[in-house]
Amino acid sequence: MIALGGVIGAGLFVGSAAGIAAAGPSIVLAYALSGVLVMLVMRMLGEMSAANPASGSFSVHADRSIGPWAGFAAGWTFWTLLCVGVAAEAIGAAGIMTNWFPGTPSWMWVAVFMAVFCGTNLAAVKNFGEFEFWFAALKVGAISLFLILGVLAIFGVLPGTHAVGAANLTGAGGFLPKGANGLVVGLLASVFAYGGLETVTIAAAESENPVKSVGQAVRTAMWRIALFYVGSMLVIVTLIPWNDGSLTKHGPYVAVLDHIGVPGAGQLMNVVILVALLSAMNANIYGSSRMAYSLVARGQGPRLLGRLNGGVPRLAVLASSGFGFLAVLFSYWWPTTVFAWLLNIVGAAVLVVWAFIAVAQLRMRRRLEREAPEKLVVRMWAFPYLTWVALLGIGAVLVLMARQPDTRVQLYFTGGATVVLAAVGYARQLAAKRR
């Protein structure tokens, strides 16, 4: 359920509107292409995590397969990404609450959400699992209902609807209304909507049967991506013209539900979006604390964060939550400078992480085949060819980011931060060798 919940995030419910506006009906193709890349990355990560379960996940794998500098850079990049994500999600959730309760300050809601999820993560790991299970259940139920209603409406079975055919897919400029450039923008938007899946391999390391848990989550990735992401995009652009103003004004899911006559669609989706944001907050506090703990356990961070109390790295939870709350304050104090700078730093961080995963898998697979082939319970398809295809795909997305003015700045900021972290990690590695 954590894996299912990780697929369905606020990026899908809200962020997909920008992708549809840029790519038109070809957003379906964009999500399918980026979904293939994500499937390959998750399969590689699944292979390594099933062979060597660790709460540091890909950071541990990069450490062992490439070198401590790579584990340091990948781990702290991901930690920063998750902490800034906590801030962005807290701000979004507070915005929904202030709409429901006018006159209440947004900082109050941020403080409430941060206190709740920091508290639950401090208590016991089972609390994280319980919250994510129910959050995931609600999101899965909501999007499944949306898909069922959407398909019924497409075929005119739903009362008050008529069969629409392919008119919206081929009309208003055709399947590629803004050409290849629009498809590229939609592709970039879809890539970042998939971010967050990596947390499931971190959680699996603390499950009862890590090897089995990782294997199950990774093996079902294909149909989850096809059904929830590609399927919902196909339903949206089939039912409503891609250039309909309601898609960006109210969000694609609300627009579709209003279009087919579902009463109270706006408030219903606001509840689902709030749950998606809170789910992401919960997962990001958990994932960042475990990543910090793993880094410290390998001597790559402040030792204070490595203490366990009742099986939980509570100081790491507090540090991760504290950085997230500080980032929220930055958004109020310096929204166009410091907070914008933080957002740009993590703009392409997920691609950096994916690149480390692919390189680590290339190196680890050879060693496992020689030394412990029995650990390969989850295998990357068509190794090493599809691993290289994934690396080329990641490189292609980075090139596309460099070509787009809106994403170029993010690429430069993330690239600069990664180089600095890699340099610090390499200096620490050399110092450790000398010692």
Protein backbone atom coordinates (compact mmCIF):
# COMPACT_ATOMS: atom_id res chain seq x y z
CA MET A 1 0.00 0.00 0.00
CA ILE A 2 2.92 2.35 0.63
CA ALA A 3 4.13 1.63 -2.91
CA LEU A 4 0.65 2.34 -4.30
CA GLY A 5 0.38 5.55 -2.28
CA GLY A 6 3.81 6.62 -3.47
CA VAL A 7 2.62 6.56 -7.07
CA ILE A 8 -0.42 8.76 -6.44
CA GLY A 9 0.73 12.18 -5.27
CA ALA A 10 -0.23 15.83 -5.45
CA GLY A 11 1.95 16.07 -8.56
CA LEU A 12 -0.59 13.89 -10.37
CA PHE A 13 -3.72 15.58 -9.01
CA VAL A 14 -2.51 19.18 -9.40
CA GLY A 15 0.73 19.31 -11.41
CA SER A 16 -0.66 17.39 -14.40
CA ALA A 17 -2.66 20.49 -15.45
CA ALA A 18 0.54 22.24 -16.59
CA GLY A 19 1.58 19.16 -18.58
CA ILE A 20 -1.79 18.96 -20.32
CA ALA A 21 -1.69 22.69 -21.16
CA ALA A 22 1.76 22.26 -22.71
CA ALA A 23 1.40 18.93 -24.53
CA GLY A 24 -2.34 18.61 -25.21
CA PRO A 25 -3.54 15.03 -25.81
CA SER A 26 0.09 13.93 -26.29
CA ILE A 27 0.45 14.16 -22.49
CA VAL A 28 -0.63 10.50 -22.57
CA LEU A 29 2.49 9.69 -24.60
CA ALA A 30 4.64 11.86 -22.29
CA TYR A 31 3.46 9.99 -19.19
CA ALA A 32 3.92 6.64 -20.93
CA LEU A 33 7.53 7.46 -21.95
CA SER A 34 8.54 8.79 -18.53
CA GLY A 35 6.68 5.85 -16.94
CA VAL A 36 8.91 3.40 -18.85
CA LEU A 37 11.99 5.22 -17.51
CA VAL A 38 10.65 5.10 -13.95
CA MET A 39 9.86 1.38 -14.29
CA LEU A 40 13.45 0.67 -15.34
CA VAL A 41 14.85 2.72 -12.45
CA MET A 42 12.57 1.01 -9.92
CA ARG A 43 13.48 -2.42 -11.26
CA MET A 44 17.20 -1.64 -10.84
CA LEU A 45 16.61 -0.28 -7.35
CA GLY A 46 14.47 -3.31 -6.52
CA GLU A 47 17.23 -5.69 -7.61
CA MET A 48 19.78 -4.01 -5.34
CA SER A 49 17.39 -3.52 -2.38
CA ALA A 50 16.19 -7.13 -2.47
CA ALA A 51 19.81 -8.35 -2.52
CA ASN A 52 20.94 -5.96 0.24
CA PRO A 53 18.02 -4.34 2.15
CA ALA A 54 19.15 -1.12 3.86
CA SER A 55 17.36 1.95 5.24
CA GLY A 56 19.79 4.06 3.19
CA SER A 57 18.60 2.33 0.00
CA PHE A 58 20.33 3.70 -3.12
CA SER A 59 22.79 5.76 -1.04
CA VAL A 60 24.13 2.52 0.52
CA HIS A 61 24.22 0.82 -2.90
CA ALA A 62 26.12 3.77 -4.44
CA ASP A 63 28.50 3.76 -1.46
CA ARG A 64 29.32 0.06 -1.92
CA SER A 65 29.36 -0.05 -5.72
CA ILE A 66 30.82 3.32 -6.77
CA GLY A 67 32.51 4.70 -3.64
CA PRO A 68 31.74 6.50 -0.36
CA TRP A 69 31.76 9.87 -2.19
CA ALA A 70 28.83 8.71 -4.35
CA GLY A 71 26.85 7.48 -1.35
CA PHE A 72 27.48 10.81 0.39
CA ALA A 73 26.38 12.88 -2.62
CA ALA A 74 23.30 10.75 -3.44
CA GLY A 75 22.21 10.53 0.21
CA TRP A 76 22.45 14.20 1.14
CA THR A 77 20.97 15.27 -2.21
CA PHE A 78 17.94 13.07 -1.50
CA TRP A 79 17.73 14.27 2.12
CA THR A 80 17.59 17.90 0.95
CA LEU A 81 15.01 17.00 -1.70
CA LEU A 82 12.73 15.36 0.89
CA CYS A 83 13.08 18.16 3.47
CA VAL A 84 12.27 20.87 0.93
CA GLY A 85 9.41 18.65 -0.22
CA VAL A 86 8.05 18.62 3.35
CA ALA A 87 7.99 22.44 3.26
CA ALA A 88 6.26 22.63 -0.13
CA GLU A 89 3.62 20.08 0.91
CA ALA A 90 2.99 21.77 4.26
CA ILE A 91 2.42 25.10 2.49
CA GLY A 92 0.05 23.48 -0.02
CA ALA A 93 -1.94 21.69 2.70
CA ALA A 94 -2.18 24.91 4.74
CA GLY A 95 -3.55 26.70 1.65
CA ILE A 96 -6.43 24.19 1.43
CA MET A 97 -7.20 24.58 5.14
CA THR A 98 -7.28 28.41 4.98
CA ASN A 99 -9.77 28.14 2.12
CA TRP A 100 -11.99 25.95 4.29
CA PHE A 101 -11.47 28.10 7.40
CA PRO A 102 -11.10 31.74 6.25
CA GLY A 103 -9.36 34.01 8.71
CA THR A 104 -7.09 31.31 10.14
CA PRO A 105 -3.35 31.92 9.60
CA SER A 106 -1.58 29.46 7.31
CA TRP A 107 1.41 29.22 9.67
CA MET A 108 -0.90 27.71 12.31
CA TRP A 109 -1.89 24.84 9.99
CA VAL A 110 1.74 24.29 8.99
CA ALA A 111 2.68 24.05 12.68
CA VAL A 112 -0.17 21.59 13.35
CA PHE A 113 0.75 19.32 10.43
CA MET A 114 4.47 19.40 11.25
CA ALA A 115 3.78 18.59 14.92
CA VAL A 116 1.42 15.69 14.06
CA PHE A 117 3.71 13.95 11.59
CA CYS A 118 6.91 14.66 13.48
CA GLY A 119 5.21 13.21 16.58
CA THR A 120 3.97 10.06 14.84
CA ASN A 121 7.38 9.42 13.28
CA LEU A 122 9.08 9.93 16.66
CA ALA A 123 6.90 7.34 18.39
CA ALA A 124 7.36 4.16 16.32
CA VAL A 125 7.86 3.08 12.72
CA LYS A 126 4.49 1.29 12.80
CA ASN A 127 2.80 4.72 13.06
CA PHE A 128 4.32 5.73 9.73
CA GLY A 129 3.06 2.47 8.24
CA GLU A 130 -0.46 2.92 9.66
CA PHE A 131 -0.81 6.50 8.40
CA GLU A 132 0.54 5.64 4.95
CA PHE A 133 -1.71 2.59 4.67
CA TRP A 134 -4.90 4.61 5.23
CA PHE A 135 -3.71 7.57 3.18
CA ALA A 136 -2.87 5.20 0.33
CA ALA A 137 -6.22 3.43 0.66
CA LEU A 138 -8.10 6.72 0.28
CA LYS A 139 -6.01 7.84 -2.71
CA VAL A 140 -6.26 4.48 -4.45
CA GLY A 141 -10.02 4.42 -3.84
CA ALA A 142 -10.47 7.98 -5.14
CA ILE A 143 -8.48 7.51 -8.34
CA SER A 144 -10.06 4.09 -8.99
CA LEU A 145 -13.52 5.65 -8.69
CA PHE A 146 -12.41 8.50 -10.99
CA LEU A 147 -11.23 6.01 -13.63
CA ILE A 148 -14.44 3.96 -13.44
CA LEU A 149 -16.67 7.04 -13.76
CA GLY A 150 -14.46 8.42 -16.55
CA VAL A 151 -14.60 5.23 -18.63
CA LEU A 152 -18.38 5.00 -18.18
CA ALA A 153 -18.71 8.62 -19.30
CA ILE A 154 -16.46 8.05 -22.35
CA PHE A 155 -18.80 5.29 -23.57
CA GLY A 156 -21.92 7.26 -22.66
CA VAL A 157 -23.06 4.72 -20.06
CA LEU A 158 -23.15 7.24 -17.19
CA PRO A 159 -26.51 9.06 -16.90
CA GLY A 160 -26.44 12.47 -18.62
CA THR A 161 -23.42 11.63 -20.80
CA HIS A 162 -22.97 10.55 -24.41
CA ALA A 163 -20.14 8.66 -26.12
CA VAL A 164 -17.41 11.17 -27.01
CA GLY A 165 -15.25 9.01 -29.27
CA ALA A 166 -11.84 10.42 -30.22
CA ALA A 167 -13.04 13.96 -31.00
CA ASN A 168 -11.05 15.59 -28.16
CA LEU A 169 -7.92 13.56 -28.96
CA THR A 170 -7.77 14.66 -32.60
CA GLY A 171 -9.56 18.03 -32.51
CA ALA A 172 -8.30 21.46 -31.37
CA GLY A 173 -4.94 21.14 -33.13
CA GLY A 174 -4.67 17.35 -33.19
CA PHE A 175 -2.80 14.91 -30.95
CA LEU A 176 0.33 17.15 -30.94
CA PRO A 177 -1.20 20.66 -30.91
CA LYS A 178 2.04 22.38 -29.90
CA GLY A 179 4.38 20.07 -31.78
CA ALA A 180 7.45 18.32 -30.42
CA ASN A 181 8.30 21.23 -28.11
CA GLY A 182 4.98 20.87 -26.30
CA LEU A 183 5.58 17.15 -25.91
CA VAL A 184 9.01 17.88 -24.38
CA VAL A 185 7.52 20.26 -21.80
CA GLY A 186 4.85 17.67 -20.96
CA LEU A 187 7.53 14.98 -20.68
CA LEU A 188 9.53 17.04 -18.17
CA ALA A 189 6.39 17.71 -16.12
CA SER A 190 5.53 14.01 -16.08
CA VAL A 191 9.04 12.89 -15.03
CA PHE A 192 8.91 14.89 -11.81
CA ALA A 193 5.36 13.72 -11.03
CA TYR A 194 6.82 10.22 -10.50
CA GLY A 195 9.24 11.38 -7.78
CA GLY A 196 8.79 9.71 -4.39
CA LEU A 197 8.63 6.08 -5.43
CA GLU A 198 12.14 5.57 -4.05
CA THR A 199 10.86 5.83 -0.45
CA VAL A 200 9.24 2.40 -0.68
CA THR A 201 12.64 0.65 -0.73
CA ILE A 202 13.66 2.62 2.38
CA ALA A 203 10.46 1.50 4.16
CA ALA A 204 10.92 -2.10 2.98
CA ALA A 205 14.21 -2.34 4.90
CA GLU A 206 12.23 -1.98 8.17
CA SER A 207 9.46 -4.37 7.18
CA GLU A 208 9.03 -7.91 8.51
CA ASN A 209 10.27 -9.52 5.30
CA PRO A 210 12.33 -6.92 3.37
CA VAL A 211 13.25 -9.13 0.41
CA LYS A 212 9.66 -10.20 -0.19
CA SER A 213 8.32 -6.65 0.35
CA VAL A 214 10.71 -5.08 -2.17
CA GLY A 215 10.02 -7.79 -4.72
CA GLN A 216 6.25 -7.36 -4.51
CA ALA A 217 6.40 -3.55 -4.75
CA VAL A 218 8.72 -3.53 -7.75
CA ARG A 219 6.96 -6.31 -9.66
CA THR A 220 3.63 -4.45 -9.58
CA ALA A 221 5.15 -1.12 -10.70
CA MET A 222 4.26 -1.68 -14.35
CA TRP A 223 0.49 -1.99 -14.01
CA ARG A 224 0.32 0.71 -11.32
CA ILE A 225 2.04 3.26 -13.57
CA ALA A 226 -0.04 2.26 -16.61
CA LEU A 227 -3.34 2.33 -14.72
CA PHE A 228 -3.05 5.36 -12.47
CA TYR A 229 -0.93 7.78 -14.47
CA VAL A 230 -1.33 6.94 -18.14
CA GLY A 231 -4.94 5.76 -17.66
CA SER A 232 -6.09 8.89 -15.87
CA MET A 233 -4.39 11.19 -18.42
CA LEU A 234 -6.16 9.29 -21.23
CA VAL A 235 -9.54 9.67 -19.48
CA ILE A 236 -9.01 13.43 -18.94
CA VAL A 237 -7.98 14.39 -22.49
CA THR A 238 -10.63 12.10 -24.00
CA LEU A 239 -13.48 13.66 -22.03
CA ILE A 240 -12.47 17.36 -22.13
CA PRO A 241 -10.70 19.41 -24.84
CA TRP A 242 -7.09 19.91 -23.72
CA ASN A 243 -7.40 23.73 -24.04
CA ASP A 244 -10.52 24.00 -21.85
CA GLY A 245 -9.89 26.73 -19.26
CA SER A 246 -11.39 24.67 -16.42
CA LEU A 247 -8.42 22.26 -16.54
CA THR A 248 -5.99 24.88 -15.25
CA LYS A 249 -8.52 26.86 -13.22
CA HIS A 250 -9.94 23.98 -11.15
CA GLY A 251 -7.46 21.17 -11.87
CA PRO A 252 -7.94 18.33 -14.37
CA TYR A 253 -9.67 15.90 -12.00
CA VAL A 254 -12.16 18.44 -10.68
CA ALA A 255 -12.83 19.63 -14.26
CA VAL A 256 -13.65 16.10 -15.43
CA LEU A 257 -15.90 15.33 -12.44
CA ASP A 258 -17.75 18.64 -12.96
CA HIS A 259 -18.06 17.89 -16.67
CA ILE A 260 -19.74 14.53 -16.09
CA GLY A 261 -22.01 15.97 -13.39
CA VAL A 262 -20.58 14.62 -10.12
CA PRO A 263 -21.99 16.85 -7.32
CA GLY A 264 -19.49 18.49 -4.97
CA ALA A 265 -16.54 17.45 -7.16
CA GLY A 266 -14.39 20.41 -6.13
CA GLN A 267 -14.61 19.79 -2.39
CA LEU A 268 -14.27 16.04 -2.89
CA MET A 269 -11.00 16.48 -4.79
CA ASN A 270 -9.75 19.04 -2.27
CA VAL A 271 -10.06 16.36 0.41
CA VAL A 272 -8.13 13.88 -1.77
CA ILE A 273 -5.44 16.47 -2.58
CA LEU A 274 -5.11 17.32 1.12
CA VAL A 275 -4.64 13.62 1.89
CA ALA A 276 -2.05 13.35 -0.92
CA LEU A 277 -0.11 16.31 0.51
CA LEU A 278 -0.23 14.98 4.08
CA SER A 279 0.77 11.52 2.85
CA ALA A 280 3.78 13.01 1.07
CA MET A 281 4.72 14.99 4.22
CA ASN A 282 4.56 11.84 6.32
CA ALA A 283 6.60 9.83 3.80
CA ASN A 284 9.19 12.59 3.36
CA ILE A 285 9.78 13.02 7.11
CA TYR A 286 10.17 9.25 7.41
CA GLY A 287 12.41 8.88 4.34
CA SER A 288 14.64 11.85 5.18
CA SER A 289 15.17 10.71 8.78
CA ARG A 290 16.14 7.18 7.67
CA MET A 291 18.47 8.53 4.99
CA ALA A 292 20.15 10.82 7.55
CA TYR A 293 20.49 7.93 10.02
CA SER A 294 22.00 5.68 7.35
CA LEU A 295 24.52 8.35 6.31
CA VAL A 296 25.57 8.93 9.93
CA ALA A 297 25.89 5.17 10.54
CA ARG A 298 28.42 5.12 7.67
CA GLY A 299 30.37 8.05 9.15
CA GLN A 300 29.04 10.59 6.64
CA GLY A 301 27.20 12.97 8.96
CA PRO A 302 26.94 14.30 12.55
CA ARG A 303 27.18 11.37 14.97
CA LEU A 304 24.42 12.85 17.13
CA LEU A 305 21.81 11.93 14.50
CA GLY A 306 22.77 8.26 14.66
CA ARG A 307 21.30 7.52 18.08
CA LEU A 308 18.40 5.07 18.24
CA ASN A 309 15.65 5.33 20.87
CA GLY A 310 13.11 2.53 20.89
CA GLY A 311 14.26 1.49 17.42
CA VAL A 312 13.64 4.99 16.00
CA PRO A 313 16.36 7.54 15.05
CA ARG A 314 14.50 10.31 16.90
CA LEU A 315 17.18 12.99 16.59
CA ALA A 316 17.30 12.36 12.83
CA VAL A 317 13.48 12.73 12.72
CA LEU A 318 13.73 16.02 14.64
CA ALA A 319 16.54 17.33 12.41
CA SER A 320 14.67 16.45 9.21
CA SER A 321 11.40 17.94 10.49
CA GLY A 322 13.27 21.00 11.75
CA PHE A 323 14.88 21.65 8.37
CA GLY A 324 11.47 21.25 6.72
CA PHE A 325 9.89 23.74 9.14
CA LEU A 326 12.79 26.16 8.61
CA ALA A 327 12.20 25.93 4.85
CA VAL A 328 8.54 26.87 5.47
CA LEU A 329 9.71 29.98 7.34
CA PHE A 330 12.02 30.79 4.41
CA SER A 331 8.96 30.71 2.13
CA TYR A 332 7.35 33.43 4.28
CA TRP A 333 10.46 35.52 4.88
CA TRP A 334 12.25 35.22 1.52
CA PRO A 335 9.85 33.61 -0.99
CA THR A 336 11.65 34.92 -4.07
CA THR A 337 15.22 34.44 -2.87
CA VAL A 338 16.13 31.77 -0.30
CA PHE A 339 13.06 29.53 -0.79
CA ALA A 340 13.23 29.86 -4.58
CA TRP A 341 16.92 28.96 -4.34
CA LEU A 342 16.07 25.83 -2.31
CA LEU A 343 13.38 24.80 -4.80
CA ASN A 344 15.83 25.23 -7.68
CA ILE A 345 18.50 23.17 -5.89
CA VAL A 346 16.16 20.16 -5.69
CA GLY A 347 14.59 20.80 -9.12
CA ALA A 348 16.48 18.00 -10.87
CA ALA A 349 17.60 16.08 -7.77
CA VAL A 350 15.46 13.05 -8.59
CA LEU A 351 17.34 12.66 -11.90
CA VAL A 352 20.67 12.76 -10.06
CA VAL A 353 19.42 10.01 -7.73
CA TRP A 354 18.23 7.91 -10.68
CA ALA A 355 21.63 8.27 -12.38
CA PHE A 356 23.40 7.04 -9.22
CA ILE A 357 20.97 4.09 -9.06
CA ALA A 358 21.70 3.07 -12.66
CA VAL A 359 25.50 3.29 -12.31
CA ALA A 360 25.42 1.45 -8.96
CA GLN A 361 23.29 -1.34 -10.43
CA LEU A 362 25.66 -1.77 -13.38
CA ARG A 363 28.55 -2.33 -10.99
CA MET A 364 26.73 -4.29 -8.26
CA ARG A 365 25.09 -6.79 -10.63
CA ARG A 366 28.47 -8.02 -11.92
CA ARG A 367 29.73 -8.55 -8.38
CA LEU A 368 26.55 -10.33 -7.24
CA GLU A 369 26.70 -12.70 -10.23
CA ARG A 370 30.26 -13.63 -9.24
CA GLU A 371 29.97 -13.74 -5.45
CA ALA A 372 26.32 -14.30 -4.42
CA PRO A 373 23.99 -15.14 -7.33
CA GLU A 374 21.41 -16.53 -4.87
CA LYS A 375 20.71 -12.93 -3.74
CA LEU A 376 19.37 -11.97 -7.18
CA VAL A 377 15.74 -12.68 -6.34
CA VAL A 378 14.65 -9.60 -8.32
CA ARG A 379 16.53 -9.23 -11.61
CA MET A 380 16.80 -6.26 -13.92
CA TRP A 381 15.29 -7.08 -17.31
CA ALA A 382 17.69 -7.64 -20.25
CA PHE A 383 20.78 -6.64 -18.23
CA PRO A 384 22.89 -4.65 -19.08
CA TYR A 385 21.10 -3.30 -22.16
CA LEU A 386 18.05 -1.82 -20.43
CA THR A 387 20.27 -0.31 -17.71
CA TRP A 388 22.14 1.57 -20.44
CA VAL A 389 18.81 2.55 -22.03
CA ALA A 390 17.75 4.02 -18.67
CA LEU A 391 21.02 5.95 -18.35
CA LEU A 392 20.58 7.32 -21.87
CA GLY A 393 16.99 8.26 -21.00
CA ILE A 394 18.13 10.15 -17.89
CA GLY A 395 20.79 11.92 -19.98
CA ALA A 396 18.17 12.83 -22.59
CA VAL A 397 15.89 14.37 -19.94
CA LEU A 398 18.81 16.43 -18.58
CA VAL A 399 19.57 17.68 -22.11
CA LEU A 400 15.91 18.60 -22.59
CA MET A 401 15.99 20.50 -19.28
CA ALA A 402 19.00 22.47 -20.51
CA ARG A 403 17.06 23.43 -23.66
CA GLN A 404 14.03 24.80 -21.78
CA PRO A 405 14.37 28.24 -20.15
CA ASP A 406 12.01 27.30 -17.29
CA THR A 407 14.01 24.23 -16.25
CA ARG A 408 17.52 25.34 -17.22
CA VAL A 409 18.02 27.28 -13.96
CA GLN A 410 16.94 24.26 -11.90
CA LEU A 411 19.39 22.07 -13.78
CA TYR A 412 22.29 24.45 -13.10
CA PHE A 413 21.43 24.81 -9.40
CA THR A 414 21.02 21.05 -8.89
CA GLY A 415 24.17 20.32 -10.90
CA GLY A 416 26.18 22.81 -8.84
CA ALA A 417 24.90 21.40 -5.53
CA THR A 418 25.66 17.82 -6.67
CA VAL A 419 29.22 18.76 -7.70
CA VAL A 420 29.81 20.43 -4.30
CA LEU A 421 28.46 17.40 -2.40
CA ALA A 422 30.49 14.99 -4.55
CA ALA A 423 33.65 17.07 -3.94
CA VAL A 424 33.04 17.12 -0.17
CA GLY A 425 32.34 13.38 -0.21
CA TYR A 426 35.50 12.67 -2.19
CA ALA A 427 37.61 14.82 0.18
CA ARG A 428 36.17 12.88 3.14
CA GLN A 429 36.91 9.60 1.35
CA LEU A 430 40.56 10.58 0.80
CA ALA A 431 40.87 11.73 4.43
CA ALA A 432 39.44 8.40 5.64
CA LYS A 433 41.97 6.49 3.51
CA ARG A 434 44.84 8.50 4.97
CA ARG A 435 43.61 7.79 8.50
